[in-house]
């Protein structure tokens, strides 16, 4: 999914079934030289805990490409880093 989010904080991706899912860009973090986007679903039901979605962020010219993190080890590293940031904020 390509998106230039410097102008727009809303990101649209398409899941495996072809459904459009909208996210709000929450933050970008760098782990081991790679950038990752922290995304919040915009269609979450009121009162639900917002579950942050992690995606790998790649720059393609002026646009950005959001990729699912398929590697469990890589996902765990990023998730642990994000959790450590949350711990520091408390």
PDB file of N, CA and C in Angstrom:
ATOM      1  N   UNK A   1       0.856  -1.186   0.000  1.00  0.00           N
ATOM      2  CA  UNK A   1       0.000   0.000   0.000  1.00  0.00           C
ATOM      3  C   UNK A   1       0.884   1.224   0.000  1.00  0.00           C
ATOM      4  N   UNK A   2       0.679   2.074  -0.945  1.00  0.00           N
ATOM      5  CA  UNK A   2       1.464   3.297  -1.041  1.00  0.00           C
ATOM      6  C   UNK A   2       0.674   4.458  -0.462  1.00  0.00           C
ATOM      7  N   UNK A   3       1.364   5.304   0.235  1.00  0.00           N
ATOM      8  CA  UNK A   3       0.680   6.447   0.839  1.00  0.00           C
ATOM      9  C   UNK A   3       1.726   7.495   1.181  1.00  0.00           C
ATOM     10  N   UNK A   4       1.435   8.716   0.845  1.00  0.00           N
ATOM     11  CA  UNK A   4       2.281   9.813   1.290  1.00  0.00           C
ATOM     12  C   UNK A   4       1.619  10.385   2.523  1.00  0.00           C
ATOM     13  N   UNK A   5       2.087   9.967   3.707  1.00  0.00           N
ATOM     14  CA  UNK A   5       1.376  10.333   4.924  1.00  0.00           C
ATOM     15  C   UNK A   5       1.873  11.617   5.557  1.00  0.00           C
ATOM     16  N   UNK A   6       2.811  12.292   4.922  1.00  0.00           N
ATOM     17  CA  UNK A   6       3.228  13.565   5.497  1.00  0.00           C
ATOM     18  C   UNK A   6       2.083  14.576   5.407  1.00  0.00           C
ATOM     19  N   UNK A   7       1.227  14.448   4.383  1.00  0.00           N
ATOM     20  CA  UNK A   7       0.075  15.336   4.234  1.00  0.00           C
ATOM     21  C   UNK A   7      -1.155  14.742   4.906  1.00  0.00           C
ATOM     22  N   UNK A   8      -1.182  13.440   5.062  1.00  0.00           N
ATOM     23  CA  UNK A   8      -2.400  12.756   5.478  1.00  0.00           C
ATOM     24  C   UNK A   8      -2.045  11.713   6.522  1.00  0.00           C
ATOM     25  N   UNK A   9      -2.637  11.830   7.698  1.00  0.00           N
ATOM     26  CA  UNK A   9      -2.324  10.894   8.771  1.00  0.00           C
ATOM     27  C   UNK A   9      -3.186   9.642   8.707  1.00  0.00           C
ATOM     28  N   UNK A  10      -4.114   9.565   7.742  1.00  0.00           N
ATOM     29  CA  UNK A  10      -4.939   8.372   7.581  1.00  0.00           C
ATOM     30  C   UNK A  10      -4.353   7.475   6.506  1.00  0.00           C
ATOM     31  N   UNK A  11      -4.268   6.197   6.823  1.00  0.00           N
ATOM     32  CA  UNK A  11      -3.664   5.212   5.938  1.00  0.00           C
ATOM     33  C   UNK A  11      -4.734   4.192   5.585  1.00  0.00           C
ATOM     34  N   UNK A  12      -4.813   3.810   4.310  1.00  0.00           N
ATOM     35  CA  UNK A  12      -5.722   2.742   3.900  1.00  0.00           C
ATOM     36  C   UNK A  12      -4.901   1.564   3.413  1.00  0.00           C
ATOM     37  N   UNK A  13      -5.231   0.377   3.916  1.00  0.00           N
ATOM     38  CA  UNK A  13      -4.593  -0.838   3.438  1.00  0.00           C
ATOM     39  C   UNK A  13      -5.685  -1.814   3.021  1.00  0.00           C
ATOM     40  N   UNK A  14      -5.299  -2.846   2.295  1.00  0.00           N
ATOM     41  CA  UNK A  14      -6.252  -3.861   1.852  1.00  0.00           C
ATOM     42  C   UNK A  14      -5.811  -5.197   2.429  1.00  0.00           C
ATOM     43  N   UNK A  15      -6.731  -5.881   3.121  1.00  0.00           N
ATOM     44  CA  UNK A  15      -6.386  -7.168   3.733  1.00  0.00           C
ATOM     45  C   UNK A  15      -6.471  -8.298   2.700  1.00  0.00           C
ATOM     46  N   UNK A  16      -6.232  -9.541   3.171  1.00  0.00           N
ATOM     47  CA  UNK A  16      -6.184 -10.700   2.285  1.00  0.00           C
ATOM     48  C   UNK A  16      -7.507 -10.927   1.554  1.00  0.00           C
ATOM     49  N   UNK A  17      -8.632 -10.524   2.165  1.00  0.00           N
ATOM     50  CA  UNK A  17      -9.945 -10.719   1.546  1.00  0.00           C
ATOM     51  C   UNK A  17     -10.335  -9.557   0.629  1.00  0.00           C
ATOM     52  N   UNK A  18      -9.462  -8.567   0.511  1.00  0.00           N
ATOM     53  CA  UNK A  18      -9.763  -7.428  -0.350  1.00  0.00           C
ATOM     54  C   UNK A  18     -10.537  -6.321   0.341  1.00  0.00           C
ATOM     55  N   UNK A  19     -10.688  -6.412   1.673  1.00  0.00           N
ATOM     56  CA  UNK A  19     -11.388  -5.377   2.432  1.00  0.00           C
ATOM     57  C   UNK A  19     -10.450  -4.204   2.698  1.00  0.00           C
ATOM     58  N   UNK A  20     -10.977  -3.001   2.559  1.00  0.00           N
ATOM     59  CA  UNK A  20     -10.198  -1.796   2.859  1.00  0.00           C
ATOM     60  C   UNK A  20     -10.259  -1.554   4.360  1.00  0.00           C
ATOM     61  N   UNK A  21      -9.090  -1.393   4.956  1.00  0.00           N
ATOM     62  CA  UNK A  21      -9.001  -1.103   6.389  1.00  0.00           C
ATOM     63  C   UNK A  21      -8.316   0.242   6.539  1.00  0.00           C
ATOM     64  N   UNK A  22      -8.928   1.116   7.328  1.00  0.00           N
ATOM     65  CA  UNK A  22      -8.370   2.456   7.527  1.00  0.00           C
ATOM     66  C   UNK A  22      -7.685   2.526   8.881  1.00  0.00           C
ATOM     67  N   UNK A  23      -6.519   3.148   8.877  1.00  0.00           N
ATOM     68  CA  UNK A  23      -5.727   3.326  10.085  1.00  0.00           C
ATOM     69  C   UNK A  23      -5.346   4.786  10.228  1.00  0.00           C
ATOM     70  N   UNK A  24      -5.100   5.169  11.469  1.00  0.00           N
ATOM     71  CA  UNK A  24      -4.510   6.471  11.748  1.00  0.00           C
ATOM     72  C   UNK A  24      -3.056   6.216  12.112  1.00  0.00           C
ATOM     73  N   UNK A  25      -2.163   6.992  11.506  1.00  0.00           N
ATOM     74  CA  UNK A  25      -0.741   6.855  11.833  1.00  0.00           C
ATOM     75  C   UNK A  25      -0.515   7.383  13.238  1.00  0.00           C
ATOM     76  N   UNK A  26      -0.097   6.497  14.138  1.00  0.00           N
ATOM     77  CA  UNK A  26       0.116   6.867  15.539  1.00  0.00           C
ATOM     78  C   UNK A  26       1.551   7.340  15.750  1.00  0.00           C
ATOM     79  N   UNK A  27       2.501   6.589  15.212  1.00  0.00           N
ATOM     80  CA  UNK A  27       3.910   6.930  15.416  1.00  0.00           C
ATOM     81  C   UNK A  27       4.765   6.132  14.450  1.00  0.00           C
ATOM     82  N   UNK A  28       6.006   6.541  14.313  1.00  0.00           N
ATOM     83  CA  UNK A  28       7.004   5.794  13.546  1.00  0.00           C
ATOM     84  C   UNK A  28       8.187   5.567  14.474  1.00  0.00           C
ATOM     85  N   UNK A  29       8.644   4.319  14.545  1.00  0.00           N
ATOM     86  CA  UNK A  29       9.801   4.000  15.371  1.00  0.00           C
ATOM     87  C   UNK A  29      10.863   3.357  14.492  1.00  0.00           C
ATOM     88  N   UNK A  30      12.118   3.460  14.926  1.00  0.00           N
ATOM     89  CA  UNK A  30      13.211   2.824  14.208  1.00  0.00           C
ATOM     90  C   UNK A  30      13.811   1.750  15.109  1.00  0.00           C
ATOM     91  N   UNK A  31      13.920   0.541  14.560  1.00  0.00           N
ATOM     92  CA  UNK A  31      14.503  -0.582  15.280  1.00  0.00           C
ATOM     93  C   UNK A  31      15.529  -1.228  14.365  1.00  0.00           C
ATOM     94  N   UNK A  32      16.770  -1.284  14.829  1.00  0.00           N
ATOM     95  CA  UNK A  32      17.867  -1.894  14.075  1.00  0.00           C
ATOM     96  C   UNK A  32      17.949  -1.362  12.640  1.00  0.00           C
ATOM     97  N   UNK A  33      17.804  -0.034  12.505  1.00  0.00           N
ATOM     98  CA  UNK A  33      17.985   0.607  11.211  1.00  0.00           C
ATOM     99  C   UNK A  33      16.787   0.534  10.277  1.00  0.00           C
ATOM    100  N   UNK A  34      15.695  -0.088  10.710  1.00  0.00           N
ATOM    101  CA  UNK A  34      14.484  -0.155   9.891  1.00  0.00           C
ATOM    102  C   UNK A  34      13.386   0.656  10.561  1.00  0.00           C
ATOM    103  N   UNK A  35      12.521   1.249   9.733  1.00  0.00           N
ATOM    104  CA  UNK A  35      11.419   2.028  10.280  1.00  0.00           C
ATOM    105  C   UNK A  35      10.145   1.195  10.291  1.00  0.00           C
ATOM    106  N   UNK A  36       9.346   1.406  11.330  1.00  0.00           N
ATOM    107  CA  UNK A  36       8.079   0.698  11.499  1.00  0.00           C
ATOM    108  C   UNK A  36       7.002   1.704  11.859  1.00  0.00           C
ATOM    109  N   UNK A  37       5.821   1.495  11.295  1.00  0.00           N
ATOM    110  CA  UNK A  37       4.686   2.361  11.574  1.00  0.00           C
ATOM    111  C   UNK A  37       3.812   1.716  12.637  1.00  0.00           C
ATOM    112  N   UNK A  38       3.364   2.524  13.585  1.00  0.00           N
ATOM    113  CA  UNK A  38       2.390   2.095  14.584  1.00  0.00           C
ATOM    114  C   UNK A  38       1.061   2.695  14.151  1.00  0.00           C
ATOM    115  N   UNK A  39       0.121   1.829  13.828  1.00  0.00           N
ATOM    116  CA  UNK A  39      -1.151   2.265  13.263  1.00  0.00           C
ATOM    117  C   UNK A  39      -2.306   1.915  14.189  1.00  0.00           C
ATOM    118  N   UNK A  40      -3.278   2.803  14.276  1.00  0.00           N
ATOM    119  CA  UNK A  40      -4.499   2.563  15.057  1.00  0.00           C
ATOM    120  C   UNK A  40      -5.671   2.416  14.097  1.00  0.00           C
ATOM    121  N   UNK A  41      -6.438   1.326  14.212  1.00  0.00           N
ATOM    122  CA  UNK A  41      -7.622   1.176  13.355  1.00  0.00           C
ATOM    123  C   UNK A  41      -8.610   2.309  13.640  1.00  0.00           C
ATOM    124  N   UNK A  42      -9.154   2.919  12.585  1.00  0.00           N
ATOM    125  CA  UNK A  42     -10.103   4.021  12.779  1.00  0.00           C
ATOM    126  C   UNK A  42     -11.528   3.516  12.930  1.00  0.00           C
ATOM    127  N   UNK A  43     -11.774   2.236  12.608  1.00  0.00           N
ATOM    128  CA  UNK A  43     -13.141   1.716  12.672  1.00  0.00           C
ATOM    129  C   UNK A  43     -13.382   0.842  13.896  1.00  0.00           C
ATOM    130  N   UNK A  44     -12.535   0.981  14.929  1.00  0.00           N
ATOM    131  CA  UNK A  44     -12.728   0.208  16.158  1.00  0.00           C
ATOM    132  C   UNK A  44     -14.026   0.661  16.830  1.00  0.00           C
ATOM    133  N   UNK A  45     -14.707  -0.287  17.436  1.00  0.00           N
ATOM    134  CA  UNK A  45     -15.956   0.032  18.135  1.00  0.00           C
ATOM    135  C   UNK A  45     -15.665   0.943  19.330  1.00  0.00           C
ATOM    136  N   UNK A  46     -16.577   1.829  19.619  1.00  0.00           N
ATOM    137  CA  UNK A  46     -16.435   2.740  20.767  1.00  0.00           C
ATOM    138  C   UNK A  46     -16.268   1.932  22.049  1.00  0.00           C
ATOM    139  N   UNK A  47     -15.303   2.289  22.853  1.00  0.00           N
ATOM    140  CA  UNK A  47     -15.088   1.591  24.117  1.00  0.00           C
ATOM    141  C   UNK A  47     -14.111   0.436  24.021  1.00  0.00           C
ATOM    142  N   UNK A  48     -13.809  -0.023  22.814  1.00  0.00           N
ATOM    143  CA  UNK A  48     -12.821  -1.098  22.661  1.00  0.00           C
ATOM    144  C   UNK A  48     -11.435  -0.523  22.901  1.00  0.00           C
ATOM    145  N   UNK A  49     -10.539  -1.383  23.407  1.00  0.00           N
ATOM    146  CA  UNK A  49      -9.145  -0.963  23.500  1.00  0.00           C
ATOM    147  C   UNK A  49      -8.590  -0.865  22.086  1.00  0.00           C
ATOM    148  N   UNK A  50      -7.945   0.247  21.804  1.00  0.00           N
ATOM    149  CA  UNK A  50      -7.330   0.372  20.488  1.00  0.00           C
ATOM    150  C   UNK A  50      -6.110  -0.529  20.429  1.00  0.00           C
ATOM    151  N   UNK A  51      -6.128  -1.443  19.493  1.00  0.00           N
ATOM    152  CA  UNK A  51      -4.998  -2.343  19.323  1.00  0.00           C
ATOM    153  C   UNK A  51      -4.083  -1.747  18.264  1.00  0.00           C
ATOM    154  N   UNK A  52      -2.848  -1.502  18.631  1.00  0.00           N
ATOM    155  CA  UNK A  52      -1.897  -0.925  17.694  1.00  0.00           C
ATOM    156  C   UNK A  52      -1.437  -2.008  16.735  1.00  0.00           C
ATOM    157  N   UNK A  53      -1.411  -1.665  15.458  1.00  0.00           N
ATOM    158  CA  UNK A  53      -0.944  -2.573  14.419  1.00  0.00           C
ATOM    159  C   UNK A  53       0.454  -2.126  14.015  1.00  0.00           C
ATOM    160  N   UNK A  54       1.394  -3.071  13.980  1.00  0.00           N
ATOM    161  CA  UNK A  54       2.764  -2.777  13.568  1.00  0.00           C
ATOM    162  C   UNK A  54       2.954  -3.179  12.114  1.00  0.00           C
ATOM    163  N   UNK A  55       3.526  -2.281  11.320  1.00  0.00           N
ATOM    164  CA  UNK A  55       3.843  -2.604   9.935  1.00  0.00           C
ATOM    165  C   UNK A  55       5.223  -2.055   9.609  1.00  0.00           C
ATOM    166  N   UNK A  56       5.947  -2.782   8.764  1.00  0.00           N
ATOM    167  CA  UNK A  56       7.255  -2.318   8.292  1.00  0.00           C
ATOM    168  C   UNK A  56       6.999  -1.159   7.328  1.00  0.00           C
ATOM    169  N   UNK A  57       7.831  -0.148   7.392  1.00  0.00           N
ATOM    170  CA  UNK A  57       7.673   1.056   6.587  1.00  0.00           C
ATOM    171  C   UNK A  57       8.861   1.164   5.636  1.00  0.00           C
ATOM    172  N   UNK A  58       8.556   1.196   4.354  1.00  0.00           N
ATOM    173  CA  UNK A  58       9.599   1.329   3.338  1.00  0.00           C
ATOM    174  C   UNK A  58       9.322   2.577   2.512  1.00  0.00           C
ATOM    175  N   UNK A  59      10.372   3.323   2.185  1.00  0.00           N
ATOM    176  CA  UNK A  59      10.206   4.524   1.368  1.00  0.00           C
ATOM    177  C   UNK A  59      10.394   4.133  -0.091  1.00  0.00           C
ATOM    178  N   UNK A  60       9.473   4.595  -0.919  1.00  0.00           N
ATOM    179  CA  UNK A  60       9.526   4.324  -2.362  1.00  0.00           C
ATOM    180  C   UNK A  60       9.390   5.664  -3.076  1.00  0.00           C
ATOM    181  N   UNK A  61      10.519   6.313  -3.316  1.00  0.00           N
ATOM    182  CA  UNK A  61      10.475   7.652  -3.886  1.00  0.00           C
ATOM    183  C   UNK A  61       9.854   8.604  -2.889  1.00  0.00           C
ATOM    184  N   UNK A  62       8.763   9.254  -3.287  1.00  0.00           N
ATOM    185  CA  UNK A  62       8.048  10.177  -2.407  1.00  0.00           C
ATOM    186  C   UNK A  62       6.986   9.469  -1.573  1.00  0.00           C
ATOM    187  N   UNK A  63       6.704   8.223  -1.907  1.00  0.00           N
ATOM    188  CA  UNK A  63       5.641   7.485  -1.231  1.00  0.00           C
ATOM    189  C   UNK A  63       6.213   6.502  -0.222  1.00  0.00           C
ATOM    190  N   UNK A  64       5.325   5.971   0.589  1.00  0.00           N
ATOM    191  CA  UNK A  64       5.706   4.978   1.580  1.00  0.00           C
ATOM    192  C   UNK A  64       4.932   3.701   1.328  1.00  0.00           C
ATOM    193  N   UNK A  65       5.581   2.594   1.576  1.00  0.00           N
ATOM    194  CA  UNK A  65       4.973   1.285   1.415  1.00  0.00           C
ATOM    195  C   UNK A  65       4.884   0.651   2.794  1.00  0.00           C
ATOM    196  N   UNK A  66       3.706   0.180   3.141  1.00  0.00           N
ATOM    197  CA  UNK A  66       3.482  -0.483   4.423  1.00  0.00           C
ATOM    198  C   UNK A  66       3.438  -1.977   4.178  1.00  0.00           C
ATOM    199  N   UNK A  67       4.286  -2.726   4.877  1.00  0.00           N
ATOM    200  CA  UNK A  67       4.345  -4.173   4.720  1.00  0.00           C
ATOM    201  C   UNK A  67       4.032  -4.859   6.038  1.00  0.00           C
ATOM    202  N   UNK A  68       3.326  -5.972   5.942  1.00  0.00           N
ATOM    203  CA  UNK A  68       3.090  -6.806   7.107  1.00  0.00           C
ATOM    204  C   UNK A  68       4.416  -7.427   7.527  1.00  0.00           C
ATOM    205  N   UNK A  69       4.638  -7.551   8.819  1.00  0.00           N
ATOM    206  CA  UNK A  69       5.864  -8.177   9.330  1.00  0.00           C
ATOM    207  C   UNK A  69       5.579  -9.673   9.473  1.00  0.00           C
ATOM    208  N   UNK A  70       6.093 -10.467   8.531  1.00  0.00           N
ATOM    209  CA  UNK A  70       5.829 -11.907   8.529  1.00  0.00           C
ATOM    210  C   UNK A  70       6.793 -12.681   9.427  1.00  0.00           C
ATOM    211  N   UNK A  71       7.946 -12.104   9.700  1.00  0.00           N
ATOM    212  CA  UNK A  71       8.966 -12.775  10.500  1.00  0.00           C
ATOM    213  C   UNK A  71       8.652 -12.581  11.986  1.00  0.00           C
ATOM    214  N   UNK A  72       8.368 -13.695  12.683  1.00  0.00           N
ATOM    215  CA  UNK A  72       7.991 -13.617  14.103  1.00  0.00           C
ATOM    216  C   UNK A  72       9.076 -12.970  14.954  1.00  0.00           C
ATOM    217  N   UNK A  73      10.328 -13.302  14.673  1.00  0.00           N
ATOM    218  CA  UNK A  73      11.446 -12.754  15.460  1.00  0.00           C
ATOM    219  C   UNK A  73      11.524 -11.234  15.286  1.00  0.00           C
ATOM    220  N   UNK A  74      11.392 -10.776  14.048  1.00  0.00           N
ATOM    221  CA  UNK A  74      11.430  -9.343  13.772  1.00  0.00           C
ATOM    222  C   UNK A  74      10.250  -8.647  14.451  1.00  0.00           C
ATOM    223  N   UNK A  75       9.056  -9.249  14.357  1.00  0.00           N
ATOM    224  CA  UNK A  75       7.867  -8.667  14.981  1.00  0.00           C
ATOM    225  C   UNK A  75       8.060  -8.544  16.489  1.00  0.00           C
ATOM    226  N   UNK A  76       8.595  -9.593  17.117  1.00  0.00           N
ATOM    227  CA  UNK A  76       8.810  -9.576  18.572  1.00  0.00           C
ATOM    228  C   UNK A  76       9.780  -8.465  18.982  1.00  0.00           C
ATOM    229  N   UNK A  77      10.853  -8.277  18.205  1.00  0.00           N
ATOM    230  CA  UNK A  77      11.820  -7.206  18.516  1.00  0.00           C
ATOM    231  C   UNK A  77      11.139  -5.847  18.515  1.00  0.00           C
ATOM    232  N   UNK A  78      10.321  -5.607  17.483  1.00  0.00           N
ATOM    233  CA  UNK A  78       9.651  -4.318  17.366  1.00  0.00           C
ATOM    234  C   UNK A  78       8.624  -4.160  18.485  1.00  0.00           C
ATOM    235  N   UNK A  79       7.847  -5.220  18.753  1.00  0.00           N
ATOM    236  CA  UNK A  79       6.831  -5.165  19.810  1.00  0.00           C
ATOM    237  C   UNK A  79       7.473  -4.900  21.168  1.00  0.00           C
ATOM    238  N   UNK A  80       8.596  -5.540  21.447  1.00  0.00           N
ATOM    239  CA  UNK A  80       9.281  -5.320  22.725  1.00  0.00           C
ATOM    240  C   UNK A  80       9.800  -3.888  22.820  1.00  0.00           C
ATOM    241  N   UNK A  81      10.314  -3.359  21.707  1.00  0.00           N
ATOM    242  CA  UNK A  81      10.795  -1.983  21.701  1.00  0.00           C
ATOM    243  C   UNK A  81       9.642  -1.020  21.998  1.00  0.00           C
ATOM    244  N   UNK A  82       8.497  -1.232  21.352  1.00  0.00           N
ATOM    245  CA  UNK A  82       7.333  -0.368  21.566  1.00  0.00           C
ATOM    246  C   UNK A  82       6.860  -0.459  23.012  1.00  0.00           C
ATOM    247  N   UNK A  83       6.846  -1.686  23.565  1.00  0.00           N
ATOM    248  CA  UNK A  83       6.450  -1.853  24.963  1.00  0.00           C
ATOM    249  C   UNK A  83       7.409  -1.135  25.903  1.00  0.00           C
ATOM    250  N   UNK A  84       8.704  -1.146  25.577  1.00  0.00           N
ATOM    251  CA  UNK A  84       9.682  -0.453  26.424  1.00  0.00           C
ATOM    252  C   UNK A  84       9.442   1.060  26.386  1.00  0.00           C
ATOM    253  N   UNK A  85       9.005   1.576  25.252  1.00  0.00           N
ATOM    254  CA  UNK A  85       8.672   3.013  25.149  1.00  0.00           C
ATOM    255  C   UNK A  85       7.468   3.324  26.020  1.00  0.00           C
ATOM    256  N   UNK A  86       6.455   2.451  25.982  1.00  0.00           N
ATOM    257  CA  UNK A  86       5.258   2.661  26.793  1.00  0.00           C
ATOM    258  C   UNK A  86       5.598   2.627  28.280  1.00  0.00           C
ATOM    259  N   UNK A  87       6.508   1.735  28.676  1.00  0.00           N
ATOM    260  CA  UNK A  87       6.917   1.648  30.078  1.00  0.00           C
ATOM    261  C   UNK A  87       7.601   2.927  30.535  1.00  0.00           C
ATOM    262  N   UNK A  88       8.421   3.526  29.643  1.00  0.00           N
ATOM    263  CA  UNK A  88       9.127   4.760  29.988  1.00  0.00           C
ATOM    264  C   UNK A  88       8.166   5.912  30.191  1.00  0.00           C
ATOM    265  N   UNK A  89       7.048   5.918  29.453  1.00  0.00           N
ATOM    266  CA  UNK A  89       6.086   7.012  29.535  1.00  0.00           C
ATOM    267  C   UNK A  89       5.290   6.978  30.822  1.00  0.00           C
ATOM    268  N   UNK A  90       5.150   5.807  31.442  1.00  0.00           N
ATOM    269  CA  UNK A  90       4.330   5.683  32.654  1.00  0.00           C
ATOM    270  C   UNK A  90       5.051   6.138  33.897  1.00  0.00           C
TER     271      UNK A  90
END
